Amino acid sequence: MTALASLLEASGFEVYFQQRDGIGSALRPSANPGFDEGHRRVLESASFALEIYRLANRCDCLVFDMNGRVPDDGGAFLAAAAFALGKPVVLYKRDLRTKLYGNDNAMISGLSFDFSTVSEPAKLGGEVRKAIGRFAYPGARVASMPPLVKMNADLGRVVYESLEGFKASGSEVEPEEFYAELASACEASEAWRFRMTPR
């Protein structure tokens, strides 16, 4: 994944790589024994919202690395969400293992709109460019967001701004301060109220 991100950046793309650029780049709950269930809930909400915001508002194309015997569940979710939002999805796969005798599940491969995968790293940048171009014509448009997706994207924007501020400040802001900022953003959000209100 790191190599793919580097390859795309070398091709001129701005890349969001969750493991490098997400909430975990600033806070790792497993490394902080003081984090309890409440902390985990805030970090999960903030992380989820950040991914939705990045995908819905700052993404022109999603690259889904399908390597492994089965595709990564988080990656499959984001690829399906990108498809539902009308964003192009490029499937990258060099691994021939599957549960379907060498074939991919059409419910996954169909997310690419043409059931194709890219298997050569050198071709990935060109395929991303082609996929973005395919969606540049006037008839293609990004789907409007359902209310629950919008709620999370709105929270994700606040999380994104907090994370960028935390990274820009270097060591001036303690992780606990950043966590408190995230907790405050979550608790003030519609997405949090929707999740936490008993039904």
C-alpha atoms as a PDB file:
ATOM      1  CA  MET A   1       0.000   0.000   0.000  1.00  0.00           C
ATOM      2  CA  THR A   2       2.831   2.390   0.837  1.00  0.00           C
ATOM      3  CA  ALA A   3       4.511   1.562  -2.475  1.00  0.00           C
ATOM      4  CA  LEU A   4       1.249   2.157  -4.372  1.00  0.00           C
ATOM      5  CA  ALA A   5       0.761   5.522  -2.659  1.00  0.00           C
ATOM      6  CA  SER A   6       4.336   6.520  -3.547  1.00  0.00           C
ATOM      7  CA  LEU A   7       3.859   5.371  -7.138  1.00  0.00           C
ATOM      8  CA  LEU A   8       0.682   7.452  -7.525  1.00  0.00           C
ATOM      9  CA  GLU A   9       2.335  10.483  -5.928  1.00  0.00           C
ATOM     10  CA  ALA A  10       5.242  10.111  -8.367  1.00  0.00           C
ATOM     11  CA  SER A  11       2.612  10.163 -11.158  1.00  0.00           C
ATOM     12  CA  GLY A  12       1.422  13.563  -9.938  1.00  0.00           C
ATOM     13  CA  PHE A  13      -1.579  12.569  -7.822  1.00  0.00           C
ATOM     14  CA  GLU A  14      -2.323  13.841  -4.342  1.00  0.00           C
ATOM     15  CA  VAL A  15      -2.858  10.646  -2.348  1.00  0.00           C
ATOM     16  CA  TYR A  16      -4.738  10.120   0.875  1.00  0.00           C
ATOM     17  CA  PHE A  17      -3.429   6.935   2.472  1.00  0.00           C
ATOM     18  CA  GLN A  18      -5.411   6.118   5.603  1.00  0.00           C
ATOM     19  CA  GLN A  19      -2.621   4.299   7.442  1.00  0.00           C
ATOM     20  CA  ARG A  20      -0.296   7.257   6.893  1.00  0.00           C
ATOM     21  CA  ASP A  21      -2.667  10.234   6.831  1.00  0.00           C
ATOM     22  CA  GLY A  22      -5.653   9.225   8.983  1.00  0.00           C
ATOM     23  CA  ILE A  23      -6.393   9.621  12.693  1.00  0.00           C
ATOM     24  CA  GLY A  24      -3.901   6.862  13.516  1.00  0.00           C
ATOM     25  CA  SER A  25      -1.094   9.102  12.237  1.00  0.00           C
ATOM     26  CA  ALA A  26      -1.724  11.339  15.231  1.00  0.00           C
ATOM     27  CA  LEU A  27      -3.313   9.096  17.865  1.00  0.00           C
ATOM     28  CA  ARG A  28      -2.870   5.395  18.477  1.00  0.00           C
ATOM     29  CA  PRO A  29      -5.225   4.226  21.247  1.00  0.00           C
ATOM     30  CA  SER A  30      -3.415   0.902  21.626  1.00  0.00           C
ATOM     31  CA  ALA A  31      -0.257   2.823  22.562  1.00  0.00           C
ATOM     32  CA  ASN A  32      -2.074   4.789  25.259  1.00  0.00           C
ATOM     33  CA  PRO A  33      -3.185   2.551  28.143  1.00  0.00           C
ATOM     34  CA  GLY A  34      -5.232   5.462  29.541  1.00  0.00           C
ATOM     35  CA  PHE A  35      -7.677   5.232  26.632  1.00  0.00           C
ATOM     36  CA  ASP A  36     -10.924   3.565  27.687  1.00  0.00           C
ATOM     37  CA  GLU A  37     -14.156   2.573  25.928  1.00  0.00           C
ATOM     38  CA  GLY A  38     -15.261   6.227  25.697  1.00  0.00           C
ATOM     39  CA  HIS A  39     -12.001   7.182  24.003  1.00  0.00           C
ATOM     40  CA  ARG A  40     -12.353   4.294  21.567  1.00  0.00           C
ATOM     41  CA  ARG A  41     -15.881   5.354  20.636  1.00  0.00           C
ATOM     42  CA  VAL A  42     -14.740   8.919  19.884  1.00  0.00           C
ATOM     43  CA  LEU A  43     -11.762   7.726  17.834  1.00  0.00           C
ATOM     44  CA  GLU A  44     -13.903   5.269  15.858  1.00  0.00           C
ATOM     45  CA  SER A  45     -16.504   7.960  15.143  1.00  0.00           C
ATOM     46  CA  ALA A  46     -13.856  10.499  14.159  1.00  0.00           C
ATOM     47  CA  SER A  47     -11.990   7.987  11.971  1.00  0.00           C
ATOM     48  CA  PHE A  48     -15.147   6.825  10.209  1.00  0.00           C
ATOM     49  CA  ALA A  49     -16.317  10.398   9.605  1.00  0.00           C
ATOM     50  CA  LEU A  50     -12.888  11.417   8.285  1.00  0.00           C
ATOM     51  CA  GLU A  51     -12.922   8.544   5.760  1.00  0.00           C
ATOM     52  CA  ILE A  52     -16.427   9.487   4.581  1.00  0.00           C
ATOM     53  CA  TYR A  53     -15.482  13.170   4.248  1.00  0.00           C
ATOM     54  CA  ARG A  54     -12.274  12.408   2.358  1.00  0.00           C
ATOM     55  CA  LEU A  55     -14.133  10.079   0.011  1.00  0.00           C
ATOM     56  CA  ALA A  56     -17.204  12.258  -0.574  1.00  0.00           C
ATOM     57  CA  ASN A  57     -15.588  15.691  -0.676  1.00  0.00           C
ATOM     58  CA  ARG A  58     -11.913  15.388  -1.529  1.00  0.00           C
ATOM     59  CA  CYS A  59     -11.622  12.291  -3.716  1.00  0.00           C
ATOM     60  CA  ASP A  60     -11.639  12.116  -7.524  1.00  0.00           C
ATOM     61  CA  CYS A  61     -10.968   8.367  -7.664  1.00  0.00           C
ATOM     62  CA  LEU A  62     -10.589   5.490  -5.212  1.00  0.00           C
ATOM     63  CA  VAL A  63      -7.922   2.812  -5.717  1.00  0.00           C
ATOM     64  CA  PHE A  64      -8.889  -0.448  -4.036  1.00  0.00           C
ATOM     65  CA  ASP A  65      -6.042  -2.897  -3.388  1.00  0.00           C
ATOM     66  CA  MET A  66      -7.716  -6.289  -3.714  1.00  0.00           C
ATOM     67  CA  ASN A  67      -4.642  -8.391  -2.944  1.00  0.00           C
ATOM     68  CA  GLY A  68      -5.207 -11.198  -0.457  1.00  0.00           C
ATOM     69  CA  ARG A  69      -7.383 -14.297  -0.507  1.00  0.00           C
ATOM     70  CA  VAL A  70     -10.396 -12.067   0.148  1.00  0.00           C
ATOM     71  CA  PRO A  71     -10.550  -8.285  -0.286  1.00  0.00           C
ATOM     72  CA  ASP A  72     -10.027  -6.132   2.814  1.00  0.00           C
ATOM     73  CA  ASP A  73     -13.411  -5.429   4.424  1.00  0.00           C
ATOM     74  CA  GLY A  74     -12.744  -1.723   5.071  1.00  0.00           C
ATOM     75  CA  GLY A  75     -11.478  -1.284   1.522  1.00  0.00           C
ATOM     76  CA  ALA A  76     -14.541  -3.068   0.139  1.00  0.00           C
ATOM     77  CA  PHE A  77     -16.811  -0.739   2.122  1.00  0.00           C
ATOM     78  CA  LEU A  78     -15.031   2.386   0.850  1.00  0.00           C
ATOM     79  CA  ALA A  79     -15.057   1.095  -2.735  1.00  0.00           C
ATOM     80  CA  ALA A  80     -18.803   0.429  -2.495  1.00  0.00           C
ATOM     81  CA  ALA A  81     -19.373   3.881  -0.956  1.00  0.00           C
ATOM     82  CA  ALA A  82     -17.354   5.482  -3.783  1.00  0.00           C
ATOM     83  CA  PHE A  83     -19.448   3.581  -6.337  1.00  0.00           C
ATOM     84  CA  ALA A  84     -22.684   4.726  -4.642  1.00  0.00           C
ATOM     85  CA  LEU A  85     -21.458   8.343  -4.682  1.00  0.00           C
ATOM     86  CA  GLY A  86     -20.650   8.095  -8.397  1.00  0.00           C
ATOM     87  CA  LYS A  87     -16.875   8.166  -7.952  1.00  0.00           C
ATOM     88  CA  PRO A  88     -14.605   6.081 -10.194  1.00  0.00           C
ATOM     89  CA  VAL A  89     -13.055   3.002  -8.603  1.00  0.00           C
ATOM     90  CA  VAL A  90      -9.838   1.413  -9.876  1.00  0.00           C
ATOM     91  CA  LEU A  91      -9.200  -2.139  -8.700  1.00  0.00           C
ATOM     92  CA  TYR A  92      -5.562  -3.149  -8.205  1.00  0.00           C
ATOM     93  CA  LYS A  93      -4.827  -6.865  -7.960  1.00  0.00           C
ATOM     94  CA  ARG A  94      -1.724  -8.986  -8.482  1.00  0.00           C
ATOM     95  CA  ASP A  95      -2.767 -11.861  -6.236  1.00  0.00           C
ATOM     96  CA  LEU A  96      -4.461 -14.759  -8.038  1.00  0.00           C
ATOM     97  CA  ARG A  97      -5.922 -16.328  -4.875  1.00  0.00           C
ATOM     98  CA  THR A  98      -9.701 -16.106  -4.605  1.00  0.00           C
ATOM     99  CA  LYS A  99     -12.525 -18.087  -3.064  1.00  0.00           C
ATOM    100  CA  LEU A 100     -14.091 -18.460  -6.531  1.00  0.00           C
ATOM    101  CA  TYR A 101     -11.466 -20.567  -8.334  1.00  0.00           C
ATOM    102  CA  GLY A 102      -9.457 -17.643  -9.680  1.00  0.00           C
ATOM    103  CA  ASN A 103     -12.447 -15.398 -10.381  1.00  0.00           C
ATOM    104  CA  ASP A 104     -13.409 -12.319  -8.413  1.00  0.00           C
ATOM    105  CA  ASN A 105     -16.858 -11.827  -6.975  1.00  0.00           C
ATOM    106  CA  ALA A 106     -18.813  -9.708  -9.471  1.00  0.00           C
ATOM    107  CA  MET A 107     -20.206  -7.690  -6.548  1.00  0.00           C
ATOM    108  CA  ILE A 108     -16.635  -6.441  -6.011  1.00  0.00           C
ATOM    109  CA  SER A 109     -15.249  -6.359  -9.562  1.00  0.00           C
ATOM    110  CA  GLY A 110     -18.373  -4.530 -10.763  1.00  0.00           C
ATOM    111  CA  LEU A 111     -17.392  -1.544  -8.641  1.00  0.00           C
ATOM    112  CA  SER A 112     -14.852  -0.689 -11.341  1.00  0.00           C
ATOM    113  CA  PHE A 113     -17.760  -0.138 -13.768  1.00  0.00           C
ATOM    114  CA  ASP A 114     -16.091  -2.417 -16.369  1.00  0.00           C
ATOM    115  CA  PHE A 115     -15.179  -5.434 -14.163  1.00  0.00           C
ATOM    116  CA  SER A 116     -11.457  -4.930 -14.826  1.00  0.00           C
ATOM    117  CA  THR A 117      -8.448  -4.924 -12.526  1.00  0.00           C
ATOM    118  CA  VAL A 118      -4.985  -3.421 -12.922  1.00  0.00           C
ATOM    119  CA  SER A 119      -2.198  -5.893 -12.229  1.00  0.00           C
ATOM    120  CA  GLU A 120       0.923  -3.941 -13.213  1.00  0.00           C
ATOM    121  CA  PRO A 121       2.010  -1.171 -10.845  1.00  0.00           C
ATOM    122  CA  ALA A 122       3.463   0.869 -13.719  1.00  0.00           C
ATOM    123  CA  LYS A 123       0.000   1.077 -15.323  1.00  0.00           C
ATOM    124  CA  LEU A 124      -1.838   2.217 -12.183  1.00  0.00           C
ATOM    125  CA  GLY A 125      -1.353   5.970 -12.677  1.00  0.00           C
ATOM    126  CA  GLY A 126      -2.590   5.798 -16.271  1.00  0.00           C
ATOM    127  CA  GLU A 127      -5.647   3.777 -15.269  1.00  0.00           C
ATOM    128  CA  VAL A 128      -6.495   6.259 -12.499  1.00  0.00           C
ATOM    129  CA  ARG A 129      -6.165   9.135 -14.980  1.00  0.00           C
ATOM    130  CA  LYS A 130      -8.380   7.254 -17.464  1.00  0.00           C
ATOM    131  CA  ALA A 131     -11.006   6.499 -14.790  1.00  0.00           C
ATOM    132  CA  ILE A 132     -11.145  10.151 -13.707  1.00  0.00           C
ATOM    133  CA  GLY A 133     -11.425  11.229 -17.354  1.00  0.00           C
ATOM    134  CA  ARG A 134     -14.327   8.846 -17.904  1.00  0.00           C
ATOM    135  CA  PHE A 135     -16.270  10.740 -15.249  1.00  0.00           C
ATOM    136  CA  ALA A 136     -15.434  14.208 -16.571  1.00  0.00           C
ATOM    137  CA  TYR A 137     -18.182  14.316 -19.204  1.00  0.00           C
ATOM    138  CA  PRO A 138     -21.312  16.425 -18.525  1.00  0.00           C
ATOM    139  CA  GLY A 139     -23.641  13.438 -17.973  1.00  0.00           C
ATOM    140  CA  ALA A 140     -21.535  12.066 -15.108  1.00  0.00           C
ATOM    141  CA  ARG A 141     -22.188  13.603 -11.749  1.00  0.00           C
ATOM    142  CA  VAL A 142     -21.499  12.786  -8.158  1.00  0.00           C
ATOM    143  CA  ALA A 143     -24.602  11.476  -6.449  1.00  0.00           C
ATOM    144  CA  SER A 144     -26.140  13.582  -3.725  1.00  0.00           C
ATOM    145  CA  MET A 145     -25.372  12.311  -0.259  1.00  0.00           C
ATOM    146  CA  PRO A 146     -28.018  10.530   1.801  1.00  0.00           C
ATOM    147  CA  PRO A 147     -28.626  12.304   5.139  1.00  0.00           C
ATOM    148  CA  LEU A 148     -26.593   9.872   7.276  1.00  0.00           C
ATOM    149  CA  VAL A 149     -23.645  10.073   4.871  1.00  0.00           C
ATOM    150  CA  LYS A 150     -23.852  13.890   4.911  1.00  0.00           C
ATOM    151  CA  MET A 151     -23.935  13.941   8.721  1.00  0.00           C
ATOM    152  CA  ASN A 152     -20.723  11.915   8.819  1.00  0.00           C
ATOM    153  CA  ALA A 153     -19.092  13.957   6.036  1.00  0.00           C
ATOM    154  CA  ASP A 154     -19.881  17.147   7.984  1.00  0.00           C
ATOM    155  CA  LEU A 155     -18.234  15.715  11.100  1.00  0.00           C
ATOM    156  CA  GLY A 156     -15.373  14.445   8.936  1.00  0.00           C
ATOM    157  CA  ARG A 157     -14.676  17.958   7.656  1.00  0.00           C
ATOM    158  CA  VAL A 158     -14.228  19.188  11.240  1.00  0.00           C
ATOM    159  CA  VAL A 159     -12.026  16.173  12.048  1.00  0.00           C
ATOM    160  CA  TYR A 160      -9.965  16.811   8.905  1.00  0.00           C
ATOM    161  CA  GLU A 161      -9.404  20.465   9.864  1.00  0.00           C
ATOM    162  CA  SER A 162      -8.425  19.454  13.417  1.00  0.00           C
ATOM    163  CA  LEU A 163      -6.030  16.783  12.152  1.00  0.00           C
ATOM    164  CA  GLU A 164      -4.400  19.184   9.680  1.00  0.00           C
ATOM    165  CA  GLY A 165      -4.009  21.758  12.474  1.00  0.00           C
ATOM    166  CA  PHE A 166      -2.501  19.146  14.782  1.00  0.00           C
ATOM    167  CA  LYS A 167       0.016  18.042  12.148  1.00  0.00           C
ATOM    168  CA  ALA A 168       0.927  21.630  11.227  1.00  0.00           C
ATOM    169  CA  SER A 169       1.654  22.524  14.842  1.00  0.00           C
ATOM    170  CA  GLY A 170       4.220  19.751  15.244  1.00  0.00           C
ATOM    171  CA  SER A 171       4.954  19.061  18.892  1.00  0.00           C
ATOM    172  CA  GLU A 172       3.172  22.154  20.221  1.00  0.00           C
ATOM    173  CA  VAL A 173      -0.126  20.294  20.698  1.00  0.00           C
ATOM    174  CA  GLU A 174      -0.262  17.280  22.974  1.00  0.00           C
ATOM    175  CA  PRO A 175      -2.184  14.211  21.737  1.00  0.00           C
ATOM    176  CA  GLU A 176      -4.534  14.605  24.716  1.00  0.00           C
ATOM    177  CA  GLU A 177      -5.444  18.114  23.502  1.00  0.00           C
ATOM    178  CA  PHE A 178      -6.081  16.783  20.013  1.00  0.00           C
ATOM    179  CA  TYR A 179      -8.227  13.977  21.422  1.00  0.00           C
ATOM    180  CA  ALA A 180     -10.230  16.526  23.470  1.00  0.00           C
ATOM    181  CA  GLU A 181     -10.788  18.540  20.284  1.00  0.00           C
ATOM    182  CA  LEU A 182     -12.027  15.415  18.487  1.00  0.00           C
ATOM    183  CA  ALA A 183     -14.314  14.490  21.393  1.00  0.00           C
ATOM    184  CA  SER A 184     -15.798  17.982  21.394  1.00  0.00           C
ATOM    185  CA  ALA A 185     -16.353  17.867  17.596  1.00  0.00           C
ATOM    186  CA  CYS A 186     -17.970  14.428  17.809  1.00  0.00           C
ATOM    187  CA  GLU A 187     -20.261  15.323  20.692  1.00  0.00           C
ATOM    188  CA  ALA A 188     -21.414  18.503  18.901  1.00  0.00           C
ATOM    189  CA  SER A 189     -22.173  16.654  15.654  1.00  0.00           C
ATOM    190  CA  GLU A 190     -25.453  15.422  14.276  1.00  0.00           C
ATOM    191  CA  ALA A 191     -23.793  12.102  13.413  1.00  0.00           C
ATOM    192  CA  TRP A 192     -22.849  11.518  17.075  1.00  0.00           C
ATOM    193  CA  ARG A 193     -26.321  12.451  18.337  1.00  0.00           C
ATOM    194  CA  PHE A 194     -27.884  10.107  15.775  1.00  0.00           C
ATOM    195  CA  ARG A 195     -25.611   7.250  16.890  1.00  0.00           C
ATOM    196  CA  MET A 196     -25.942   7.806  20.609  1.00  0.00           C
ATOM    197  CA  THR A 197     -29.661   8.492  20.830  1.00  0.00           C
ATOM    198  CA  PRO A 198     -31.452   5.349  22.051  1.00  0.00           C
ATOM    199  CA  ARG A 199     -34.028   4.103  19.555  1.00  0.00           C
END
